[in-house]
């Protein structure tokens, strides 16, 4: 799939700073932490709650 990049790094300090206070799902917190590290990335989701939680940490999700 062109444009898809696999990221193997995860900053767990960032994950735990988001979860569970700002982002309630651990997996979503992992996704958000990678989105924070990679500035040119876009977080795509169907989950409206996750999009709202992303806004609380200064990230923006794109709705599918």
PDB file of N, CA and C in Angstrom:
ATOM      1  N   UNK A   1       0.843  -1.170   0.000  1.00  0.00           N
ATOM      2  CA  UNK A   1       0.000   0.000   0.000  1.00  0.00           C
ATOM      3  C   UNK A   1       0.893   1.240   0.000  1.00  0.00           C
ATOM      4  N   UNK A   2       0.898   1.980  -1.073  1.00  0.00           N
ATOM      5  CA  UNK A   2       1.717   3.190  -1.159  1.00  0.00           C
ATOM      6  C   UNK A   2       1.332   4.194  -0.069  1.00  0.00           C
ATOM      7  N   UNK A   3       2.327   4.822   0.515  1.00  0.00           N
ATOM      8  CA  UNK A   3       2.089   5.840   1.524  1.00  0.00           C
ATOM      9  C   UNK A   3       1.952   5.317   2.940  1.00  0.00           C
ATOM     10  N   UNK A   4       1.942   4.007   3.113  1.00  0.00           N
ATOM     11  CA  UNK A   4       1.837   3.411   4.448  1.00  0.00           C
ATOM     12  C   UNK A   4       3.239   3.130   4.968  1.00  0.00           C
ATOM     13  N   UNK A   5       3.522   3.560   6.162  1.00  0.00           N
ATOM     14  CA  UNK A   5       4.819   3.319   6.782  1.00  0.00           C
ATOM     15  C   UNK A   5       4.594   2.610   8.112  1.00  0.00           C
ATOM     16  N   UNK A   6       5.319   1.520   8.328  1.00  0.00           N
ATOM     17  CA  UNK A   6       5.218   0.776   9.578  1.00  0.00           C
ATOM     18  C   UNK A   6       6.183   1.381  10.591  1.00  0.00           C
ATOM     19  N   UNK A   7       5.684   1.701  11.758  1.00  0.00           N
ATOM     20  CA  UNK A   7       6.483   2.284  12.826  1.00  0.00           C
ATOM     21  C   UNK A   7       6.646   1.244  13.930  1.00  0.00           C
ATOM     22  N   UNK A   8       7.879   0.980  14.297  1.00  0.00           N
ATOM     23  CA  UNK A   8       8.142  -0.013  15.330  1.00  0.00           C
ATOM     24  C   UNK A   8       8.457   0.628  16.671  1.00  0.00           C
ATOM     25  N   UNK A   9       8.591   1.932  16.683  1.00  0.00           N
ATOM     26  CA  UNK A   9       8.950   2.635  17.900  1.00  0.00           C
ATOM     27  C   UNK A   9       7.692   3.115  18.624  1.00  0.00           C
ATOM     28  N   UNK A  10       7.764   3.081  19.921  1.00  0.00           N
ATOM     29  CA  UNK A  10       6.648   3.586  20.713  1.00  0.00           C
ATOM     30  C   UNK A  10       7.218   4.202  21.983  1.00  0.00           C
ATOM     31  N   UNK A  11       6.860   5.432  22.245  1.00  0.00           N
ATOM     32  CA  UNK A  11       7.318   6.124  23.449  1.00  0.00           C
ATOM     33  C   UNK A  11       6.276   5.891  24.549  1.00  0.00           C
ATOM     34  N   UNK A  12       6.565   4.935  25.411  1.00  0.00           N
ATOM     35  CA  UNK A  12       5.579   4.577  26.429  1.00  0.00           C
ATOM     36  C   UNK A  12       5.403   5.659  27.490  1.00  0.00           C
ATOM     37  N   UNK A  13       6.370   6.548  27.654  1.00  0.00           N
ATOM     38  CA  UNK A  13       6.143   7.680  28.566  1.00  0.00           C
ATOM     39  C   UNK A  13       5.000   8.547  28.038  1.00  0.00           C
ATOM     40  N   UNK A  14       4.976   8.751  26.722  1.00  0.00           N
ATOM     41  CA  UNK A  14       3.891   9.521  26.117  1.00  0.00           C
ATOM     42  C   UNK A  14       2.574   8.762  26.208  1.00  0.00           C
ATOM     43  N   UNK A  15       2.616   7.453  25.933  1.00  0.00           N
ATOM     44  CA  UNK A  15       1.400   6.631  26.030  1.00  0.00           C
ATOM     45  C   UNK A  15       0.789   6.774  27.415  1.00  0.00           C
ATOM     46  N   UNK A  16       1.611   6.612  28.443  1.00  0.00           N
ATOM     47  CA  UNK A  16       1.085   6.655  29.808  1.00  0.00           C
ATOM     48  C   UNK A  16       0.703   8.074  30.245  1.00  0.00           C
ATOM     49  N   UNK A  17       1.230   9.093  29.561  1.00  0.00           N
ATOM     50  CA  UNK A  17       0.785  10.451  29.883  1.00  0.00           C
ATOM     51  C   UNK A  17      -0.609  10.712  29.308  1.00  0.00           C
ATOM     52  N   UNK A  18      -0.997   9.971  28.259  1.00  0.00           N
ATOM     53  CA  UNK A  18      -2.319  10.105  27.659  1.00  0.00           C
ATOM     54  C   UNK A  18      -3.348   9.182  28.301  1.00  0.00           C
ATOM     55  N   UNK A  19      -2.936   7.990  28.656  1.00  0.00           N
ATOM     56  CA  UNK A  19      -3.840   6.929  29.103  1.00  0.00           C
ATOM     57  C   UNK A  19      -3.811   6.799  30.605  1.00  0.00           C
ATOM     58  N   UNK A  20      -4.902   6.673  31.274  1.00  0.00           N
ATOM     59  CA  UNK A  20      -6.289   6.693  30.832  1.00  0.00           C
ATOM     60  C   UNK A  20      -6.959   8.056  30.976  1.00  0.00           C
ATOM     61  N   UNK A  21      -6.210   9.062  31.458  1.00  0.00           N
ATOM     62  CA  UNK A  21      -6.853  10.346  31.749  1.00  0.00           C
ATOM     63  C   UNK A  21      -7.408  11.047  30.505  1.00  0.00           C
ATOM     64  N   UNK A  22      -6.599  11.178  29.455  1.00  0.00           N
ATOM     65  CA  UNK A  22      -7.031  11.906  28.259  1.00  0.00           C
ATOM     66  C   UNK A  22      -7.618  10.995  27.191  1.00  0.00           C
ATOM     67  N   UNK A  23      -7.007   9.834  27.017  1.00  0.00           N
ATOM     68  CA  UNK A  23      -7.473   8.852  26.034  1.00  0.00           C
ATOM     69  C   UNK A  23      -7.767   7.569  26.796  1.00  0.00           C
ATOM     70  N   UNK A  24      -9.008   7.138  26.761  1.00  0.00           N
ATOM     71  CA  UNK A  24      -9.469   6.064  27.637  1.00  0.00           C
ATOM     72  C   UNK A  24      -9.086   4.660  27.184  1.00  0.00           C
ATOM     73  N   UNK A  25      -8.831   4.465  25.896  1.00  0.00           N
ATOM     74  CA  UNK A  25      -8.464   3.148  25.380  1.00  0.00           C
ATOM     75  C   UNK A  25      -6.944   3.085  25.205  1.00  0.00           C
ATOM     76  N   UNK A  26      -6.318   2.027  25.751  1.00  0.00           N
ATOM     77  CA  UNK A  26      -4.862   1.921  25.697  1.00  0.00           C
ATOM     78  C   UNK A  26      -4.357   1.893  24.253  1.00  0.00           C
ATOM     79  N   UNK A  27      -4.997   1.128  23.391  1.00  0.00           N
ATOM     80  CA  UNK A  27      -4.592   1.051  21.985  1.00  0.00           C
ATOM     81  C   UNK A  27      -4.669   2.394  21.289  1.00  0.00           C
ATOM     82  N   UNK A  28      -5.686   3.172  21.593  1.00  0.00           N
ATOM     83  CA  UNK A  28      -5.814   4.513  21.028  1.00  0.00           C
ATOM     84  C   UNK A  28      -4.697   5.422  21.538  1.00  0.00           C
ATOM     85  N   UNK A  29      -4.311   5.245  22.799  1.00  0.00           N
ATOM     86  CA  UNK A  29      -3.210   6.042  23.354  1.00  0.00           C
ATOM     87  C   UNK A  29      -1.899   5.722  22.639  1.00  0.00           C
ATOM     88  N   UNK A  30      -1.695   4.465  22.280  1.00  0.00           N
ATOM     89  CA  UNK A  30      -0.503   4.079  21.520  1.00  0.00           C
ATOM     90  C   UNK A  30      -0.519   4.764  20.152  1.00  0.00           C
ATOM     91  N   UNK A  31      -1.655   4.722  19.477  1.00  0.00           N
ATOM     92  CA  UNK A  31      -1.783   5.364  18.162  1.00  0.00           C
ATOM     93  C   UNK A  31      -1.520   6.865  18.274  1.00  0.00           C
ATOM     94  N   UNK A  32      -2.074   7.500  19.275  1.00  0.00           N
ATOM     95  CA  UNK A  32      -1.887   8.936  19.459  1.00  0.00           C
ATOM     96  C   UNK A  32      -0.426   9.268  19.738  1.00  0.00           C
ATOM     97  N   UNK A  33       0.258   8.433  20.510  1.00  0.00           N
ATOM     98  CA  UNK A  33       1.661   8.712  20.826  1.00  0.00           C
ATOM     99  C   UNK A  33       2.527   8.638  19.576  1.00  0.00           C
ATOM    100  N   UNK A  34       2.250   7.696  18.689  1.00  0.00           N
ATOM    101  CA  UNK A  34       2.995   7.607  17.431  1.00  0.00           C
ATOM    102  C   UNK A  34       2.662   8.813  16.553  1.00  0.00           C
ATOM    103  N   UNK A  35       1.411   9.223  16.550  1.00  0.00           N
ATOM    104  CA  UNK A  35       1.014  10.408  15.795  1.00  0.00           C
ATOM    105  C   UNK A  35       1.697  11.666  16.305  1.00  0.00           C
ATOM    106  N   UNK A  36       1.974  11.713  17.580  1.00  0.00           N
ATOM    107  CA  UNK A  36       2.657  12.866  18.172  1.00  0.00           C
ATOM    108  C   UNK A  36       4.130  12.879  17.762  1.00  0.00           C
ATOM    109  N   UNK A  37       4.753  11.701  17.675  1.00  0.00           N
ATOM    110  CA  UNK A  37       6.171  11.595  17.326  1.00  0.00           C
ATOM    111  C   UNK A  37       6.403  11.973  15.863  1.00  0.00           C
ATOM    112  N   UNK A  38       5.550  11.480  14.981  1.00  0.00           N
ATOM    113  CA  UNK A  38       5.733  11.688  13.551  1.00  0.00           C
ATOM    114  C   UNK A  38       4.860  12.861  13.120  1.00  0.00           C
ATOM    115  N   UNK A  39       5.468  13.998  12.942  1.00  0.00           N
ATOM    116  CA  UNK A  39       4.735  15.250  12.721  1.00  0.00           C
ATOM    117  C   UNK A  39       3.914  15.258  11.433  1.00  0.00           C
ATOM    118  N   UNK A  40       4.367  14.572  10.387  1.00  0.00           N
ATOM    119  CA  UNK A  40       3.642  14.599   9.116  1.00  0.00           C
ATOM    120  C   UNK A  40       2.538  13.547   9.053  1.00  0.00           C
ATOM    121  N   UNK A  41       2.305  12.840  10.121  1.00  0.00           N
ATOM    122  CA  UNK A  41       1.332  11.751  10.093  1.00  0.00           C
ATOM    123  C   UNK A  41      -0.095  12.273  10.233  1.00  0.00           C
ATOM    124  N   UNK A  42      -1.018  11.439   9.825  1.00  0.00           N
ATOM    125  CA  UNK A  42      -2.438  11.728   9.998  1.00  0.00           C
ATOM    126  C   UNK A  42      -3.064  10.546  10.711  1.00  0.00           C
ATOM    127  N   UNK A  43      -3.907  10.815  11.667  1.00  0.00           N
ATOM    128  CA  UNK A  43      -4.613   9.765  12.388  1.00  0.00           C
ATOM    129  C   UNK A  43      -6.019   9.685  11.812  1.00  0.00           C
ATOM    130  N   UNK A  44      -6.294   8.584  11.155  1.00  0.00           N
ATOM    131  CA  UNK A  44      -7.604   8.371  10.531  1.00  0.00           C
ATOM    132  C   UNK A  44      -8.427   7.452  11.423  1.00  0.00           C
ATOM    133  N   UNK A  45      -9.685   7.806  11.631  1.00  0.00           N
ATOM    134  CA  UNK A  45     -10.526   6.992  12.508  1.00  0.00           C
ATOM    135  C   UNK A  45     -12.003   7.176  12.187  1.00  0.00           C
ATOM    136  N   UNK A  46     -12.763   6.151  12.502  1.00  0.00           N
ATOM    137  CA  UNK A  46     -14.220   6.222  12.458  1.00  0.00           C
ATOM    138  C   UNK A  46     -14.775   6.640  13.827  1.00  0.00           C
ATOM    139  N   UNK A  47     -13.947   6.571  14.852  1.00  0.00           N
ATOM    140  CA  UNK A  47     -14.352   6.726  16.238  1.00  0.00           C
ATOM    141  C   UNK A  47     -14.418   8.212  16.631  1.00  0.00           C
ATOM    142  N   UNK A  48     -15.636   8.732  16.763  1.00  0.00           N
ATOM    143  CA  UNK A  48     -15.823  10.141  17.107  1.00  0.00           C
ATOM    144  C   UNK A  48     -15.300  10.475  18.511  1.00  0.00           C
ATOM    145  N   UNK A  49     -15.436   9.543  19.455  1.00  0.00           N
ATOM    146  CA  UNK A  49     -14.912   9.782  20.807  1.00  0.00           C
ATOM    147  C   UNK A  49     -13.401   9.945  20.771  1.00  0.00           C
ATOM    148  N   UNK A  50     -12.737   9.079  19.993  1.00  0.00           N
ATOM    149  CA  UNK A  50     -11.288   9.163  19.867  1.00  0.00           C
ATOM    150  C   UNK A  50     -10.879  10.498  19.247  1.00  0.00           C
ATOM    151  N   UNK A  51     -11.626  10.960  18.263  1.00  0.00           N
ATOM    152  CA  UNK A  51     -11.321  12.251  17.648  1.00  0.00           C
ATOM    153  C   UNK A  51     -11.414  13.379  18.670  1.00  0.00           C
ATOM    154  N   UNK A  52     -12.414  13.339  19.517  1.00  0.00           N
ATOM    155  CA  UNK A  52     -12.561  14.359  20.564  1.00  0.00           C
ATOM    156  C   UNK A  52     -11.409  14.265  21.566  1.00  0.00           C
ATOM    157  N   UNK A  53     -11.010  13.043  21.912  1.00  0.00           N
ATOM    158  CA  UNK A  53      -9.903  12.859  22.848  1.00  0.00           C
ATOM    159  C   UNK A  53      -8.593  13.348  22.244  1.00  0.00           C
ATOM    160  N   UNK A  54      -8.414  13.165  20.941  1.00  0.00           N
ATOM    161  CA  UNK A  54      -7.209  13.675  20.274  1.00  0.00           C
ATOM    162  C   UNK A  54      -7.122  15.190  20.402  1.00  0.00           C
ATOM    163  N   UNK A  55      -8.257  15.867  20.277  1.00  0.00           N
ATOM    164  CA  UNK A  55      -8.275  17.330  20.399  1.00  0.00           C
ATOM    165  C   UNK A  55      -7.801  17.780  21.774  1.00  0.00           C
ATOM    166  N   UNK A  56      -8.102  16.992  22.822  1.00  0.00           N
ATOM    167  CA  UNK A  56      -7.705  17.392  24.179  1.00  0.00           C
ATOM    168  C   UNK A  56      -6.191  17.365  24.371  1.00  0.00           C
ATOM    169  N   UNK A  57      -5.470  16.611  23.526  1.00  0.00           N
ATOM    170  CA  UNK A  57      -4.013  16.559  23.642  1.00  0.00           C
ATOM    171  C   UNK A  57      -3.323  17.334  22.518  1.00  0.00           C
ATOM    172  N   UNK A  58      -4.094  18.072  21.740  1.00  0.00           N
ATOM    173  CA  UNK A  58      -3.520  18.922  20.710  1.00  0.00           C
ATOM    174  C   UNK A  58      -3.252  18.234  19.384  1.00  0.00           C
ATOM    175  N   UNK A  59      -3.858  17.081  19.149  1.00  0.00           N
ATOM    176  CA  UNK A  59      -3.739  16.399  17.863  1.00  0.00           C
ATOM    177  C   UNK A  59      -5.077  16.442  17.157  1.00  0.00           C
ATOM    178  N   UNK A  60      -5.029  16.263  15.859  1.00  0.00           N
ATOM    179  CA  UNK A  60      -6.276  16.267  15.114  1.00  0.00           C
ATOM    180  C   UNK A  60      -6.411  14.977  14.334  1.00  0.00           C
ATOM    181  N   UNK A  61      -7.565  14.354  14.456  1.00  0.00           N
ATOM    182  CA  UNK A  61      -7.852  13.143  13.689  1.00  0.00           C
ATOM    183  C   UNK A  61      -8.680  13.490  12.475  1.00  0.00           C
ATOM    184  N   UNK A  62      -8.586  12.640  11.486  1.00  0.00           N
ATOM    185  CA  UNK A  62      -9.376  12.813  10.281  1.00  0.00           C
ATOM    186  C   UNK A  62     -10.459  11.735  10.254  1.00  0.00           C
ATOM    187  N   UNK A  63     -11.680  12.137  10.027  1.00  0.00           N
ATOM    188  CA  UNK A  63     -12.798  11.206  10.003  1.00  0.00           C
ATOM    189  C   UNK A  63     -12.835  10.460   8.671  1.00  0.00           C
ATOM    190  N   UNK A  64     -13.138   9.201   8.769  1.00  0.00           N
ATOM    191  CA  UNK A  64     -13.314   8.385   7.561  1.00  0.00           C
ATOM    192  C   UNK A  64     -14.778   8.255   7.261  1.00  0.00           C
TER     193      UNK A  64
END
